[in-house]
PDB file of N, CA and C in Angstrom:
ATOM      1  N   MET A   1     -79.132 -86.525   6.761  1.00  0.00           N
ATOM      2  CA  MET A   1     -79.417 -87.322   5.626  1.00  0.00           C
ATOM      3  C   MET A   1     -78.787 -86.886   4.624  1.00  0.00           C
ATOM      4  N   ASN A   2     -78.401 -88.182   3.937  1.00  0.00           N
ATOM      5  CA  ASN A   2     -77.809 -88.402   2.400  1.00  0.00           C
ATOM      6  C   ASN A   2     -78.530 -87.924   1.513  1.00  0.00           C
ATOM      7  N   GLU A   3     -77.633 -86.992   0.693  1.00  0.00           N
ATOM      8  CA  GLU A   3     -78.220 -86.036  -0.049  1.00  0.00           C
ATOM      9  C   GLU A   3     -78.999 -87.120  -1.531  1.00  0.00           C
ATOM     10  N   GLN A   4     -77.963 -87.636  -2.001  1.00  0.00           N
ATOM     11  CA  GLN A   4     -78.444 -88.895  -2.860  1.00  0.00           C
ATOM     12  C   GLN A   4     -79.634 -89.719  -2.285  1.00  0.00           C
ATOM     13  N   ARG A   5     -79.700 -90.229  -1.421  1.00  0.00           N
ATOM     14  CA  ARG A   5     -80.825 -90.954  -0.814  1.00  0.00           C
ATOM     15  C   ARG A   5     -82.103 -89.992  -0.964  1.00  0.00           C
ATOM     16  N   LEU A   6     -82.190 -88.590  -0.586  1.00  0.00           N
ATOM     17  CA  LEU A   6     -83.349 -87.979  -0.968  1.00  0.00           C
ATOM     18  C   LEU A   6     -83.641 -87.642  -2.416  1.00  0.00           C
ATOM     19  N   ARG A   7     -82.795 -87.847  -3.485  1.00  0.00           N
ATOM     20  CA  ARG A   7     -82.888 -87.624  -4.347  1.00  0.00           C
ATOM     21  C   ARG A   7     -83.769 -88.647  -4.987  1.00  0.00           C
ATOM     22  N   LYS A   8     -83.469 -90.125  -4.931  1.00  0.00           N
ATOM     23  CA  LYS A   8     -83.988 -91.390  -5.527  1.00  0.00           C
ATOM     24  C   LYS A   8     -85.656 -91.620  -4.966  1.00  0.00           C
ATOM     25  N   ILE A   9     -85.859 -90.653  -3.655  1.00  0.00           N
ATOM     26  CA  ILE A   9     -87.138 -91.051  -3.188  1.00  0.00           C
ATOM     27  C   ILE A   9     -87.999 -89.696  -3.587  1.00  0.00           C
ATOM     28  N   SER A  10     -89.189 -89.881  -4.095  1.00  0.00           N
ATOM     29  CA  SER A  10     -90.287 -88.942  -4.296  1.00  0.00           C
ATOM     30  C   SER A  10     -91.163 -88.817  -2.842  1.00  0.00           C
ATOM     31  N   VAL A  11     -90.902 -87.243  -2.859  1.00  0.00           N
ATOM     32  CA  VAL A  11     -92.028 -86.873  -1.232  1.00  0.00           C
ATOM     33  C   VAL A  11     -93.037 -87.112  -1.196  1.00  0.00           C
ATOM     34  N   LYS A  12     -93.952 -87.712  -2.581  1.00  0.00           N
ATOM     35  CA  LYS A  12     -95.235 -88.625  -2.470  1.00  0.00           C
ATOM     36  C   LYS A  12     -94.902 -90.059  -1.503  1.00  0.00           C
ATOM     37  N   TYR A  13     -93.548 -90.484  -1.777  1.00  0.00           N
ATOM     38  CA  TYR A  13     -93.937 -91.319  -0.907  1.00  0.00           C
ATOM     39  C   TYR A  13     -93.061 -91.599   0.605  1.00  0.00           C
ATOM     40  N   MET A  14     -92.385 -90.451   0.644  1.00  0.00           N
ATOM     41  CA  MET A  14     -91.800 -90.017   1.878  1.00  0.00           C
ATOM     42  C   MET A  14     -92.966 -89.866   3.104  1.00  0.00           C
ATOM     43  N   LEU A  15     -93.750 -89.055   2.536  1.00  0.00           N
ATOM     44  CA  LEU A  15     -94.986 -88.324   3.299  1.00  0.00           C
ATOM     45  C   LEU A  15     -96.305 -89.485   3.664  1.00  0.00           C
ATOM     46  N   THR A  16     -96.432 -90.761   2.762  1.00  0.00           N
ATOM     47  CA  THR A  16     -97.444 -91.578   2.755  1.00  0.00           C
ATOM     48  C   THR A  16     -97.444 -92.034   4.587  1.00  0.00           C
ATOM     49  N   ASN A  17     -98.792 -91.827   4.789  1.00  0.00           N
ATOM     50  CA  ASN A  17     -98.869 -92.547   6.318  1.00  0.00           C
ATOM     51  C   ASN A  17     -98.720 -91.687   7.337  1.00  0.00           C
ATOM     52  N   CYS A  18     -97.984 -90.247   7.080  1.00  0.00           N
ATOM     53  CA  CYS A  18     -97.505 -89.457   8.191  1.00  0.00           C
ATOM     54  C   CYS A  18     -98.807 -88.445   8.874  1.00  0.00           C
ATOM     55  N   PHE A  19     -98.402 -87.963   9.562  1.00  0.00           N
ATOM     56  CA  PHE A  19     -99.352 -87.279  10.038  1.00  0.00           C
ATOM     57  C   PHE A  19     -99.269 -85.933  10.016  1.00  0.00           C
ATOM     58  N   ILE A  20    -100.371 -84.788   9.885  1.00  0.00           N
ATOM     59  CA  ILE A  20    -100.149 -83.648   9.564  1.00  0.00           C
ATOM     60  C   ILE A  20    -101.513 -82.584  10.393  1.00  0.00           C
ATOM     61  N   ASN A  21    -101.266 -81.278  10.899  1.00  0.00           N
ATOM     62  CA  ASN A  21    -102.334 -80.717  11.169  1.00  0.00           C
ATOM     63  C   ASN A  21    -103.172 -80.208   9.854  1.00  0.00           C
ATOM     64  N   ILE A  22    -104.648 -80.636  10.262  1.00  0.00           N
ATOM     65  CA  ILE A  22    -105.492 -80.121   9.395  1.00  0.00           C
ATOM     66  C   ILE A  22    -106.437 -79.106   9.618  1.00  0.00           C
ATOM     67  N   PRO A  23    -107.065 -78.092   8.811  1.00  0.00           N
ATOM     68  CA  PRO A  23    -108.389 -77.619   9.744  1.00  0.00           C
ATOM     69  C   PRO A  23    -109.590 -78.167   9.749  1.00  0.00           C
ATOM     70  N   LEU A  24    -110.370 -78.172  10.803  1.00  0.00           N
ATOM     71  CA  LEU A  24    -111.457 -78.807  10.545  1.00  0.00           C
ATOM     72  C   LEU A  24    -112.625 -77.598  10.623  1.00  0.00           C
ATOM     73  N   SER A  25    -112.899 -76.407  10.874  1.00  0.00           N
ATOM     74  CA  SER A  25    -113.481 -75.350   9.953  1.00  0.00           C
ATOM     75  C   SER A  25    -112.839 -74.502   9.212  1.00  0.00           C
ATOM     76  N   SER A  26    -113.917 -73.529   8.810  1.00  0.00           N
ATOM     77  CA  SER A  26    -113.266 -72.770   7.996  1.00  0.00           C
ATOM     78  C   SER A  26    -112.609 -71.745   8.551  1.00  0.00           C
ATOM     79  N   TYR A  27    -111.846 -71.191   8.098  1.00  0.00           N
ATOM     80  CA  TYR A  27    -111.059 -70.090   8.646  1.00  0.00           C
ATOM     81  C   TYR A  27    -112.084 -68.692   8.896  1.00  0.00           C
ATOM     82  N   ASN A  28    -111.927 -67.974  10.066  1.00  0.00           N
ATOM     83  CA  ASN A  28    -112.486 -66.745  10.616  1.00  0.00           C
ATOM     84  C   ASN A  28    -111.842 -65.855   9.815  1.00  0.00           C
ATOM     85  N   LYS A  29    -112.197 -64.250  10.146  1.00  0.00           N
ATOM     86  CA  LYS A  29    -111.538 -63.249   9.988  1.00  0.00           C
ATOM     87  C   LYS A  29    -110.252 -62.966  10.585  1.00  0.00           C
ATOM     88  N   ASN A  30    -110.037 -63.245  11.180  1.00  0.00           N
ATOM     89  CA  ASN A  30    -108.426 -63.418  11.555  1.00  0.00           C
ATOM     90  C   ASN A  30    -107.693 -64.336  11.170  1.00  0.00           C
ATOM     91  N   ASN A  31    -107.899 -65.176  10.223  1.00  0.00           N
ATOM     92  CA  ASN A  31    -107.608 -66.519   9.320  1.00  0.00           C
ATOM     93  C   ASN A  31    -106.717 -67.473  10.495  1.00  0.00           C
ATOM     94  N   GLN A  32    -107.940 -67.875  11.105  1.00  0.00           N
ATOM     95  CA  GLN A  32    -107.789 -68.929  12.246  1.00  0.00           C
ATOM     96  C   GLN A  32    -108.711 -69.949  11.920  1.00  0.00           C
ATOM     97  N   ALA A  33    -108.659 -71.093  12.075  1.00  0.00           N
ATOM     98  CA  ALA A  33    -109.616 -72.218  12.225  1.00  0.00           C
ATOM     99  C   ALA A  33    -109.160 -73.470  13.204  1.00  0.00           C
ATOM    100  N   VAL A  34    -110.183 -74.277  13.917  1.00  0.00           N
ATOM    101  CA  VAL A  34    -109.883 -75.021  14.748  1.00  0.00           C
ATOM    102  C   VAL A  34    -109.258 -76.212  13.784  1.00  0.00           C
ATOM    103  N   ILE A  35    -108.098 -76.495  14.834  1.00  0.00           N
ATOM    104  CA  ILE A  35    -107.196 -77.690  13.937  1.00  0.00           C
ATOM    105  C   ILE A  35    -107.072 -78.984  14.542  1.00  0.00           C
ATOM    106  N   GLY A  36    -107.067 -80.178  13.867  1.00  0.00           N
ATOM    107  CA  GLY A  36    -106.892 -81.325  13.923  1.00  0.00           C
ATOM    108  C   GLY A  36    -105.955 -81.927  13.386  1.00  0.00           C
ATOM    109  N   VAL A  37    -105.677 -83.045  13.673  1.00  0.00           N
ATOM    110  CA  VAL A  37    -104.891 -84.229  12.978  1.00  0.00           C
ATOM    111  C   VAL A  37    -105.174 -84.858  12.001  1.00  0.00           C
ATOM    112  N   GLY A  38    -104.626 -85.030  10.522  1.00  0.00           N
ATOM    113  CA  GLY A  38    -105.196 -86.214   9.853  1.00  0.00           C
ATOM    114  C   GLY A  38    -103.740 -86.967   9.207  1.00  0.00           C
ATOM    115  N   ARG A  39    -104.290 -88.081   8.369  1.00  0.00           N
ATOM    116  CA  ARG A  39    -103.152 -88.960   7.927  1.00  0.00           C
ATOM    117  C   ARG A  39    -103.141 -88.687   6.534  1.00  0.00           C
ATOM    118  N   VAL A  40    -101.802 -88.560   5.819  1.00  0.00           N
ATOM    119  CA  VAL A  40    -101.516 -88.525   4.466  1.00  0.00           C
ATOM    120  C   VAL A  40    -101.637 -89.701   3.740  1.00  0.00           C
ATOM    121  N   ILE A  41    -102.845 -90.140   3.418  1.00  0.00           N
ATOM    122  CA  ILE A  41    -102.957 -91.523   2.394  1.00  0.00           C
ATOM    123  C   ILE A  41    -102.511 -91.212   0.919  1.00  0.00           C
ATOM    124  N   GLN A  42    -102.835 -90.236   0.364  1.00  0.00           N
ATOM    125  CA  GLN A  42    -102.201 -90.189  -1.018  1.00  0.00           C
ATOM    126  C   GLN A  42    -101.900 -88.612  -1.433  1.00  0.00           C
ATOM    127  N   MET A  43    -100.623 -88.511  -2.431  1.00  0.00           N
ATOM    128  CA  MET A  43    -100.283 -87.123  -2.617  1.00  0.00           C
ATOM    129  C   MET A  43    -100.606 -87.064  -4.373  1.00  0.00           C
ATOM    130  N   LYS A  44    -101.002 -85.996  -4.541  1.00  0.00           N
ATOM    131  CA  LYS A  44    -101.112 -85.681  -6.142  1.00  0.00           C
ATOM    132  C   LYS A  44    -100.480 -84.293  -6.153  1.00  0.00           C
ATOM    133  N   TYR A  45     -99.901 -84.007  -7.566  1.00  0.00           N
ATOM    134  CA  TYR A  45     -99.220 -82.969  -7.969  1.00  0.00           C
ATOM    135  C   TYR A  45    -100.072 -82.080  -8.491  1.00  0.00           C
ATOM    136  N   ARG A  46    -100.777 -81.044  -8.917  1.00  0.00           N
ATOM    137  CA  ARG A  46    -101.446 -80.224  -9.416  1.00  0.00           C
ATOM    138  C   ARG A  46    -100.957 -78.718  -9.948  1.00  0.00           C
ATOM    139  N   ALA A  47    -100.547 -78.798 -11.076  1.00  0.00           N
ATOM    140  CA  ALA A  47     -99.913 -77.572 -11.705  1.00  0.00           C
ATOM    141  C   ALA A  47    -100.331 -76.202 -10.915  1.00  0.00           C
ATOM    142  N   HIS A  48    -101.806 -75.835 -10.947  1.00  0.00           N
ATOM    143  CA  HIS A  48    -102.358 -74.667 -10.667  1.00  0.00           C
ATOM    144  C   HIS A  48    -103.341 -75.093  -9.794  1.00  0.00           C
ATOM    145  N   THR A  49    -103.009 -74.539  -8.713  1.00  0.00           N
ATOM    146  CA  THR A  49    -104.016 -74.884  -7.082  1.00  0.00           C
ATOM    147  C   THR A  49    -104.323 -73.156  -6.725  1.00  0.00           C
ATOM    148  N   ASP A  50    -105.552 -73.338  -5.979  1.00  0.00           N
ATOM    149  CA  ASP A  50    -105.891 -72.091  -5.315  1.00  0.00           C
ATOM    150  C   ASP A  50    -104.871 -71.939  -3.868  1.00  0.00           C
ATOM    151  N   THR A  51    -104.386 -71.014  -3.525  1.00  0.00           N
ATOM    152  CA  THR A  51    -103.477 -71.076  -2.575  1.00  0.00           C
ATOM    153  C   THR A  51    -104.019 -71.302  -0.774  1.00  0.00           C
ATOM    154  N   ARG A  52    -105.506 -71.108  -1.115  1.00  0.00           N
ATOM    155  CA  ARG A  52    -106.280 -71.449   0.269  1.00  0.00           C
ATOM    156  C   ARG A  52    -106.059 -73.037   0.443  1.00  0.00           C
ATOM    157  N   LEU A  53    -105.855 -73.822  -0.367  1.00  0.00           N
ATOM    158  CA  LEU A  53    -105.856 -74.960  -0.434  1.00  0.00           C
ATOM    159  C   LEU A  53    -104.416 -75.762  -0.234  1.00  0.00           C
ATOM    160  N   CYS A  54    -103.181 -74.853   0.158  1.00  0.00           N
ATOM    161  CA  CYS A  54    -102.018 -75.444   0.358  1.00  0.00           C
ATOM    162  C   CYS A  54    -101.976 -75.689   1.838  1.00  0.00           C
ATOM    163  N   VAL A  55    -101.247 -76.350   2.250  1.00  0.00           N
ATOM    164  CA  VAL A  55    -100.806 -76.357   3.816  1.00  0.00           C
ATOM    165  C   VAL A  55     -99.244 -76.366   4.014  1.00  0.00           C
ATOM    166  N   ARG A  56     -99.341 -75.686   5.122  1.00  0.00           N
ATOM    167  CA  ARG A  56     -97.846 -75.355   5.665  1.00  0.00           C
ATOM    168  C   ARG A  56     -98.045 -75.932   7.022  1.00  0.00           C
ATOM    169  N   GLY A  57     -97.487 -77.421   6.688  1.00  0.00           N
ATOM    170  CA  GLY A  57     -97.478 -77.753   8.252  1.00  0.00           C
ATOM    171  C   GLY A  57     -96.236 -79.130   8.691  1.00  0.00           C
ATOM    172  N   GLN A  58     -96.608 -79.609   9.812  1.00  0.00           N
ATOM    173  CA  GLN A  58     -95.370 -80.364  10.600  1.00  0.00           C
ATOM    174  C   GLN A  58     -95.729 -81.857  10.080  1.00  0.00           C
ATOM    175  N   PHE A  59     -95.078 -82.352   9.715  1.00  0.00           N
ATOM    176  CA  PHE A  59     -95.085 -84.205   9.424  1.00  0.00           C
ATOM    177  C   PHE A  59     -94.720 -84.937  10.557  1.00  0.00           C
ATOM    178  N   VAL A  60     -95.504 -85.997  11.119  1.00  0.00           N
ATOM    179  CA  VAL A  60     -95.195 -86.683  11.918  1.00  0.00           C
ATOM    180  C   VAL A  60     -94.834 -88.154  11.374  1.00  0.00           C
ATOM    181  N   PRO A  61     -93.923 -88.950  11.323  1.00  0.00           N
ATOM    182  CA  PRO A  61     -94.337 -90.201  10.636  1.00  0.00           C
ATOM    183  C   PRO A  61     -94.902 -91.294  11.645  1.00  0.00           C
ATOM    184  N   PRO A  62     -95.799 -92.400  11.637  1.00  0.00           N
ATOM    185  CA  PRO A  62     -96.152 -93.221  12.632  1.00  0.00           C
ATOM    186  C   PRO A  62     -95.202 -93.766  13.361  1.00  0.00           C
ATOM    187  N   GLU A  63     -93.864 -93.846  13.007  1.00  0.00           N
ATOM    188  CA  GLU A  63     -93.142 -94.626  13.683  1.00  0.00           C
ATOM    189  C   GLU A  63     -92.729 -93.896  14.986  1.00  0.00           C
ATOM    190  N   LYS A  64     -92.456 -92.459  15.002  1.00  0.00           N
ATOM    191  CA  LYS A  64     -92.425 -91.725  15.890  1.00  0.00           C
ATOM    192  C   LYS A  64     -93.459 -91.414  16.711  1.00  0.00           C
ATOM    193  N   LEU A  65     -94.720 -91.574  15.921  1.00  0.00           N
ATOM    194  CA  LEU A  65     -95.719 -91.343  16.718  1.00  0.00           C
ATOM    195  C   LEU A  65     -96.176 -92.397  17.950  1.00  0.00           C
ATOM    196  N   LYS A  66     -95.858 -94.190  17.321  1.00  0.00           N
ATOM    197  CA  LYS A  66     -95.748 -94.977  18.171  1.00  0.00           C
ATOM    198  C   LYS A  66     -95.137 -95.129  19.485  1.00  0.00           C
ATOM    199  N   LYS A  67     -93.726 -94.616  19.512  1.00  0.00           N
ATOM    200  CA  LYS A  67     -92.791 -94.673  20.309  1.00  0.00           C
ATOM    201  C   LYS A  67     -92.791 -93.268  21.056  1.00  0.00           C
ATOM    202  N   ARG A  68     -92.986 -91.837  21.015  1.00  0.00           N
ATOM    203  CA  ARG A  68     -92.934 -90.455  21.548  1.00  0.00           C
ATOM    204  C   ARG A  68     -94.020 -89.583  21.004  1.00  0.00           C
ATOM    205  N   PHE A  69     -95.265 -90.011  21.947  1.00  0.00           N
ATOM    206  CA  PHE A  69     -96.411 -89.433  21.683  1.00  0.00           C
ATOM    207  C   PHE A  69     -96.126 -88.193  22.038  1.00  0.00           C
ATOM    208  N   PHE A  70     -96.053 -88.013  23.301  1.00  0.00           N
ATOM    209  CA  PHE A  70     -95.785 -86.190  23.896  1.00  0.00           C
ATOM    210  C   PHE A  70     -94.948 -85.643  23.280  1.00  0.00           C
ATOM    211  N   SER A  71     -93.820 -85.960  22.640  1.00  0.00           N
ATOM    212  CA  SER A  71     -92.944 -85.109  21.703  1.00  0.00           C
ATOM    213  C   SER A  71     -93.476 -85.067  20.359  1.00  0.00           C
ATOM    214  N   CYS A  72     -94.429 -85.930  20.081  1.00  0.00           N
ATOM    215  CA  CYS A  72     -94.915 -85.328  18.980  1.00  0.00           C
ATOM    216  C   CYS A  72     -96.679 -84.373  19.304  1.00  0.00           C
ATOM    217  N   TYR A  73     -97.170 -84.712  20.089  1.00  0.00           N
ATOM    218  CA  TYR A  73     -98.055 -83.806  20.475  1.00  0.00           C
ATOM    219  C   TYR A  73     -97.317 -82.391  20.899  1.00  0.00           C
ATOM    220  N   HIS A  74     -96.477 -82.261  21.339  1.00  0.00           N
ATOM    221  CA  HIS A  74     -95.623 -80.922  21.326  1.00  0.00           C
ATOM    222  C   HIS A  74     -94.954 -80.257  20.217  1.00  0.00           C
ATOM    223  N   TYR A  75     -94.823 -81.046  19.284  1.00  0.00           N
ATOM    224  CA  TYR A  75     -94.362 -80.622  17.906  1.00  0.00           C
ATOM    225  C   TYR A  75     -95.721 -80.144  17.203  1.00  0.00           C
ATOM    226  N   LEU A  76     -96.781 -80.796  17.395  1.00  0.00           N
ATOM    227  CA  LEU A  76     -97.760 -80.237  16.300  1.00  0.00           C
ATOM    228  C   LEU A  76     -98.768 -79.361  16.792  1.00  0.00           C
ATOM    229  N   LYS A  77     -98.961 -79.311  18.557  1.00  0.00           N
ATOM    230  CA  LYS A  77     -99.594 -78.168  18.996  1.00  0.00           C
ATOM    231  C   LYS A  77     -99.165 -76.972  18.565  1.00  0.00           C
ATOM    232  N   HIS A  78     -98.329 -76.472  18.436  1.00  0.00           N
ATOM    233  CA  HIS A  78     -97.728 -75.336  17.721  1.00  0.00           C
ATOM    234  C   HIS A  78     -98.438 -74.073  18.731  1.00  0.00           C
ATOM    235  N   ASP A  79     -98.450 -72.771  18.149  1.00  0.00           N
ATOM    236  CA  ASP A  79     -99.151 -71.942  19.125  1.00  0.00           C
ATOM    237  C   ASP A  79    -100.579 -71.735  18.817  1.00  0.00           C
ATOM    238  N   TYR A  80    -101.604 -73.159  18.437  1.00  0.00           N
ATOM    239  CA  TYR A  80    -103.049 -73.319  18.481  1.00  0.00           C
ATOM    240  C   TYR A  80    -103.684 -72.682  19.439  1.00  0.00           C
ATOM    241  N   GLY A  81    -104.831 -72.380  19.778  1.00  0.00           N
ATOM    242  CA  GLY A  81    -105.943 -72.127  20.679  1.00  0.00           C
ATOM    243  C   GLY A  81    -106.129 -72.996  21.637  1.00  0.00           C
ATOM    244  N   LYS A  82    -106.839 -73.237  22.335  1.00  0.00           N
ATOM    245  CA  LYS A  82    -107.332 -74.230  23.606  1.00  0.00           C
ATOM    246  C   LYS A  82    -107.996 -75.381  22.726  1.00  0.00           C
ATOM    247  N   LEU A  83    -108.842 -75.153  22.173  1.00  0.00           N
ATOM    248  CA  LEU A  83    -109.827 -75.966  21.262  1.00  0.00           C
ATOM    249  C   LEU A  83    -109.300 -76.874  20.436  1.00  0.00           C
ATOM    250  N   SER A  84    -108.115 -76.293  19.708  1.00  0.00           N
ATOM    251  CA  SER A  84    -107.581 -76.759  19.071  1.00  0.00           C
ATOM    252  C   SER A  84    -106.451 -77.820  19.294  1.00  0.00           C
ATOM    253  N   LYS A  85    -105.695 -77.195  20.576  1.00  0.00           N
ATOM    254  CA  LYS A  85    -104.546 -78.123  21.392  1.00  0.00           C
ATOM    255  C   LYS A  85    -105.398 -79.243  21.863  1.00  0.00           C
ATOM    256  N   VAL A  86    -106.804 -79.491  22.107  1.00  0.00           N
ATOM    257  CA  VAL A  86    -107.476 -80.269  22.585  1.00  0.00           C
ATOM    258  C   VAL A  86    -107.473 -81.552  21.377  1.00  0.00           C
ATOM    259  N   ASN A  87    -108.349 -81.028  20.280  1.00  0.00           N
ATOM    260  CA  ASN A  87    -108.125 -81.618  18.979  1.00  0.00           C
ATOM    261  C   ASN A  87    -106.847 -82.362  18.972  1.00  0.00           C
ATOM    262  N   ILE A  88    -106.353 -81.734  18.902  1.00  0.00           N
ATOM    263  CA  ILE A  88    -104.693 -82.579  18.473  1.00  0.00           C
ATOM    264  C   ILE A  88    -104.212 -83.567  19.437  1.00  0.00           C
ATOM    265  N   LEU A  89    -104.709 -83.395  20.744  1.00  0.00           N
ATOM    266  CA  LEU A  89    -104.163 -84.417  21.315  1.00  0.00           C
ATOM    267  C   LEU A  89    -105.086 -85.872  21.369  1.00  0.00           C
ATOM    268  N   PHE A  90    -106.232 -85.161  21.182  1.00  0.00           N
ATOM    269  CA  PHE A  90    -107.418 -86.328  21.015  1.00  0.00           C
ATOM    270  C   PHE A  90    -107.543 -87.402  19.430  1.00  0.00           C
ATOM    271  N   ASP A  91    -106.785 -86.695  18.522  1.00  0.00           N
ATOM    272  CA  ASP A  91    -107.030 -87.244  17.175  1.00  0.00           C
ATOM    273  C   ASP A  91    -105.431 -87.826  17.196  1.00  0.00           C
ATOM    274  N   LEU A  92    -104.523 -87.273  18.342  1.00  0.00           N
ATOM    275  CA  LEU A  92    -103.328 -88.082  18.013  1.00  0.00           C
ATOM    276  C   LEU A  92    -103.312 -89.559  18.807  1.00  0.00           C
ATOM    277  N   TYR A  93    -104.142 -89.298  19.904  1.00  0.00           N
ATOM    278  CA  TYR A  93    -104.271 -90.819  20.544  1.00  0.00           C
ATOM    279  C   TYR A  93    -104.966 -91.559  19.713  1.00  0.00           C
ATOM    280  N   PHE A  94    -106.134 -91.075  18.593  1.00  0.00           N
ATOM    281  CA  PHE A  94    -106.778 -92.090  17.993  1.00  0.00           C
ATOM    282  C   PHE A  94    -105.618 -92.752  16.910  1.00  0.00           C
ATOM    283  N   TRP A  95    -104.840 -91.633  16.308  1.00  0.00           N
ATOM    284  CA  TRP A  95    -104.090 -92.356  15.381  1.00  0.00           C
ATOM    285  C   TRP A  95    -103.088 -93.428  16.036  1.00  0.00           C
ATOM    286  N   ARG A  96    -102.536 -93.086  17.449  1.00  0.00           N
ATOM    287  CA  ARG A  96    -101.669 -93.692  17.872  1.00  0.00           C
ATOM    288  C   ARG A  96    -102.020 -95.258  17.887  1.00  0.00           C
ATOM    289  N   ARG A  97    -103.442 -95.095  18.545  1.00  0.00           N
ATOM    290  CA  ARG A  97    -104.142 -96.627  18.758  1.00  0.00           C
ATOM    291  C   ARG A  97    -104.497 -97.018  16.785  1.00  0.00           C
ATOM    292  N   LYS A  98    -104.459 -96.560  15.943  1.00  0.00           N
ATOM    293  CA  LYS A  98    -104.580 -97.088  14.863  1.00  0.00           C
ATOM    294  C   LYS A  98    -103.649 -97.349  14.166  1.00  0.00           C
ATOM    295  N   VAL A  99    -102.527 -97.169  14.441  1.00  0.00           N
ATOM    296  CA  VAL A  99    -101.079 -96.924  13.853  1.00  0.00           C
ATOM    297  C   VAL A  99    -100.391 -98.531  14.523  1.00  0.00           C
ATOM    298  N   ARG A 100    -100.757 -98.595  15.835  1.00  0.00           N
ATOM    299  CA  ARG A 100    -100.625 -99.873  16.343  1.00  0.00           C
ATOM    300  C   ARG A 100    -101.087-101.099  15.930  1.00  0.00           C
ATOM    301  N   LYS A 101    -102.766-100.691  15.879  1.00  0.00           N
ATOM    302  CA  LYS A 101    -103.380-101.764  15.638  1.00  0.00           C
ATOM    303  C   LYS A 101    -103.003-102.589  14.104  1.00  0.00           C
ATOM    304  N   GLU A 102    -102.995-101.613  13.314  1.00  0.00           N
ATOM    305  CA  GLU A 102    -102.589-101.781  11.650  1.00  0.00           C
ATOM    306  C   GLU A 102    -101.253-102.152  11.116  1.00  0.00           C
ATOM    307  N   ASN A 103    -100.778-101.763  11.999  1.00  0.00           N
ATOM    308  CA  ASN A 103     -99.204-101.377  12.034  1.00  0.00           C
ATOM    309  C   ASN A 103     -98.601-100.740  10.947  1.00  0.00           C
ATOM    310  N   LEU A 104     -99.037 -99.342  10.792  1.00  0.00           N
ATOM    311  CA  LEU A 104     -98.816 -98.400   9.758  1.00  0.00           C
ATOM    312  C   LEU A 104     -97.530 -98.175  10.042  1.00  0.00           C
ATOM    313  N   THR A 105     -97.026 -98.054   8.853  1.00  0.00           N
ATOM    314  CA  THR A 105     -95.321 -97.647   8.743  1.00  0.00           C
ATOM    315  C   THR A 105     -95.169 -96.723   7.563  1.00  0.00           C
ATOM    316  N   ASN A 106     -94.040 -96.028   7.780  1.00  0.00           N
ATOM    317  CA  ASN A 106     -93.318 -95.276   6.730  1.00  0.00           C
ATOM    318  C   ASN A 106     -92.393 -95.653   6.364  1.00  0.00           C
ATOM    319  N   HIS A 107     -91.864 -96.130   5.354  1.00  0.00           N
ATOM    320  CA  HIS A 107     -90.772 -96.692   5.177  1.00  0.00           C
ATOM    321  C   HIS A 107     -89.299 -95.710   4.961  1.00  0.00           C
ATOM    322  N   PHE A 108     -89.539 -94.754   5.003  1.00  0.00           N
ATOM    323  CA  PHE A 108     -88.298 -93.576   4.758  1.00  0.00           C
ATOM    324  C   PHE A 108     -87.665 -93.283   6.133  1.00  0.00           C
ATOM    325  N   PHE A 109     -88.817 -93.233   6.924  1.00  0.00           N
ATOM    326  CA  PHE A 109     -88.284 -92.511   8.444  1.00  0.00           C
ATOM    327  C   PHE A 109     -87.666 -93.551   9.035  1.00  0.00           C
TER     328      PHE A 109
END
């Protein structure tokens, strides 16, 4: 990717309408939660934040979800437990249908 192109585009626009793993439950004593998939609608910057609210996620653009469903699933399922993997699969199926119906796009990817 061209570095000049990256400098001109804000991250908050790059990730709009992309999909990311999100916790669906509170974290247990082993620091694990049930995971699902959500869509980035808007990003905001906060100078000071609680580190428990920060995410370390992989993002999938809607165009890729439309064309390469199972590669997106394998990318997002990571090393999560069985319940999380099932949630991720069903969530991605839901989001793929929504992407196709509403023609969601991310103009960056």
